[in-house]
Amino acid sequence: MRRVLLFRRLMIGGMAVLGMVLTGLTAVLIGSVSTAQPPDAPARSASLLLEEAAAGGYVLTAIIAFTLGVIVTWLCMKKRERMK
């Protein structure tokens, strides 16, 4: 019982930290995208904008979202196994 409570506390703390990190990274991404657009942006397509500096933020966001999805899926599977 004590191990379960400790595990729950760690999970809640970990999810809180992940939420703060993702919020911070989203703010950084929004800031970098707004400053990375060249002056002639309306004449360019979105794919050309991604070739420049803004693409790194999108890739970082995608990797973090994928990792978070894997972790949540793994936790749900573990919880389901314990309930059986």
C-alpha atoms as a PDB file:
ATOM      1  CA  MET A   1       0.000   0.000   0.000  1.00  0.00           C
ATOM      2  CA  ARG A   2       2.823   2.365   0.852  1.00  0.00           C
ATOM      3  CA  ARG A   3       4.537   1.691  -2.462  1.00  0.00           C
ATOM      4  CA  VAL A   4       1.323   2.463  -4.328  1.00  0.00           C
ATOM      5  CA  LEU A   5       0.969   5.808  -2.556  1.00  0.00           C
ATOM      6  CA  LEU A   6       4.584   6.662  -3.281  1.00  0.00           C
ATOM      7  CA  PHE A   7       4.103   5.701  -6.921  1.00  0.00           C
ATOM      8  CA  ARG A   8       0.999   7.890  -7.189  1.00  0.00           C
ATOM      9  CA  ARG A   9       2.797  10.865  -5.645  1.00  0.00           C
ATOM     10  CA  LEU A  10       5.692  10.439  -8.045  1.00  0.00           C
ATOM     11  CA  MET A  11       3.337  10.204 -11.011  1.00  0.00           C
ATOM     12  CA  ILE A  12       1.395  13.312 -10.020  1.00  0.00           C
ATOM     13  CA  GLY A  13       4.626  15.225  -9.487  1.00  0.00           C
ATOM     14  CA  GLY A  14       6.038  13.982 -12.769  1.00  0.00           C
ATOM     15  CA  MET A  15       2.928  14.967 -14.671  1.00  0.00           C
ATOM     16  CA  ALA A  16       3.021  18.426 -13.078  1.00  0.00           C
ATOM     17  CA  VAL A  17       6.644  18.878 -14.103  1.00  0.00           C
ATOM     18  CA  LEU A  18       5.907  17.673 -17.646  1.00  0.00           C
ATOM     19  CA  GLY A  19       3.006  20.097 -17.870  1.00  0.00           C
ATOM     20  CA  MET A  20       5.206  23.007 -16.839  1.00  0.00           C
ATOM     21  CA  VAL A  21       7.963  21.996 -19.241  1.00  0.00           C
ATOM     22  CA  LEU A  22       5.530  21.662 -22.143  1.00  0.00           C
ATOM     23  CA  THR A  23       3.954  25.012 -21.316  1.00  0.00           C
ATOM     24  CA  GLY A  24       7.374  26.643 -21.284  1.00  0.00           C
ATOM     25  CA  LEU A  25       8.416  25.008 -24.544  1.00  0.00           C
ATOM     26  CA  THR A  26       5.155  26.106 -26.157  1.00  0.00           C
ATOM     27  CA  ALA A  27       5.813  29.692 -25.073  1.00  0.00           C
ATOM     28  CA  VAL A  28       9.335  29.518 -26.492  1.00  0.00           C
ATOM     29  CA  LEU A  29       8.015  28.043 -29.736  1.00  0.00           C
ATOM     30  CA  ILE A  30       5.406  30.762 -30.117  1.00  0.00           C
ATOM     31  CA  GLY A  31       8.041  33.407 -29.471  1.00  0.00           C
ATOM     32  CA  SER A  32      10.495  31.939 -31.953  1.00  0.00           C
ATOM     33  CA  VAL A  33       7.890  31.512 -34.682  1.00  0.00           C
ATOM     34  CA  SER A  34       6.687  35.088 -34.352  1.00  0.00           C
ATOM     35  CA  THR A  35      10.237  36.457 -34.685  1.00  0.00           C
ATOM     36  CA  ALA A  36      11.502  33.981 -37.301  1.00  0.00           C
ATOM     37  CA  GLN A  37       9.250  35.048 -40.170  1.00  0.00           C
ATOM     38  CA  PRO A  38      11.001  37.003 -42.907  1.00  0.00           C
ATOM     39  CA  PRO A  39       9.583  40.371 -44.029  1.00  0.00           C
ATOM     40  CA  ASP A  40       8.197  38.924 -47.273  1.00  0.00           C
ATOM     41  CA  ALA A  41       6.355  36.077 -45.530  1.00  0.00           C
ATOM     42  CA  PRO A  42       2.968  36.540 -47.263  1.00  0.00           C
ATOM     43  CA  ALA A  43       4.583  35.850 -50.659  1.00  0.00           C
ATOM     44  CA  ARG A  44       6.069  32.553 -49.444  1.00  0.00           C
ATOM     45  CA  SER A  45       4.463  29.219 -48.814  1.00  0.00           C
ATOM     46  CA  ALA A  46       4.392  27.474 -45.450  1.00  0.00           C
ATOM     47  CA  SER A  47       6.889  24.848 -46.589  1.00  0.00           C
ATOM     48  CA  LEU A  48       9.495  27.512 -47.276  1.00  0.00           C
ATOM     49  CA  LEU A  49       8.945  28.984 -43.829  1.00  0.00           C
ATOM     50  CA  LEU A  50       9.555  25.555 -42.298  1.00  0.00           C
ATOM     51  CA  GLU A  51      12.898  25.290 -44.079  1.00  0.00           C
ATOM     52  CA  GLU A  52      14.183  28.240 -42.109  1.00  0.00           C
ATOM     53  CA  ALA A  53      14.655  28.628 -38.342  1.00  0.00           C
ATOM     54  CA  ALA A  54      11.082  27.751 -37.290  1.00  0.00           C
ATOM     55  CA  ALA A  55      11.332  24.056 -38.218  1.00  0.00           C
ATOM     56  CA  GLY A  56      13.413  23.164 -35.158  1.00  0.00           C
ATOM     57  CA  GLY A  57      10.637  24.198 -32.802  1.00  0.00           C
ATOM     58  CA  TYR A  58       8.082  22.078 -34.606  1.00  0.00           C
ATOM     59  CA  VAL A  59      10.358  19.053 -34.515  1.00  0.00           C
ATOM     60  CA  LEU A  60      11.052  19.547 -30.813  1.00  0.00           C
ATOM     61  CA  THR A  61       7.337  19.872 -30.063  1.00  0.00           C
ATOM     62  CA  ALA A  62       6.559  16.721 -32.065  1.00  0.00           C
ATOM     63  CA  ILE A  63       9.231  14.695 -30.258  1.00  0.00           C
ATOM     64  CA  ILE A  64       8.022  15.840 -26.837  1.00  0.00           C
ATOM     65  CA  ALA A  65       4.383  15.128 -27.713  1.00  0.00           C
ATOM     66  CA  PHE A  66       5.256  11.654 -29.003  1.00  0.00           C
ATOM     67  CA  THR A  67       7.310  10.863 -25.901  1.00  0.00           C
ATOM     68  CA  LEU A  68       4.531  12.058 -23.626  1.00  0.00           C
ATOM     69  CA  GLY A  69       2.019   9.927 -25.547  1.00  0.00           C
ATOM     70  CA  VAL A  70       4.206   6.846 -25.157  1.00  0.00           C
ATOM     71  CA  ILE A  71       4.579   7.454 -21.419  1.00  0.00           C
ATOM     72  CA  VAL A  72       0.844   7.954 -20.897  1.00  0.00           C
ATOM     73  CA  THR A  73       0.057   4.826 -22.922  1.00  0.00           C
ATOM     74  CA  TRP A  74       2.575   2.796 -20.931  1.00  0.00           C
ATOM     75  CA  LEU A  75       1.120   4.046 -17.640  1.00  0.00           C
ATOM     76  CA  CYS A  76      -2.417   3.183 -18.737  1.00  0.00           C
ATOM     77  CA  MET A  77      -1.313  -0.317 -19.711  1.00  0.00           C
ATOM     78  CA  LYS A  78       0.398  -0.802 -16.339  1.00  0.00           C
ATOM     79  CA  LYS A  79      -2.691   0.400 -14.509  1.00  0.00           C
ATOM     80  CA  ARG A  80      -4.884  -1.962 -16.516  1.00  0.00           C
ATOM     81  CA  GLU A  81      -2.598  -4.910 -15.715  1.00  0.00           C
ATOM     82  CA  ARG A  82      -2.798  -4.128 -12.008  1.00  0.00           C
ATOM     83  CA  MET A  83      -6.588  -3.970 -12.063  1.00  0.00           C
ATOM     84  CA  LYS A  84      -6.891  -7.477 -13.538  1.00  0.00           C
END
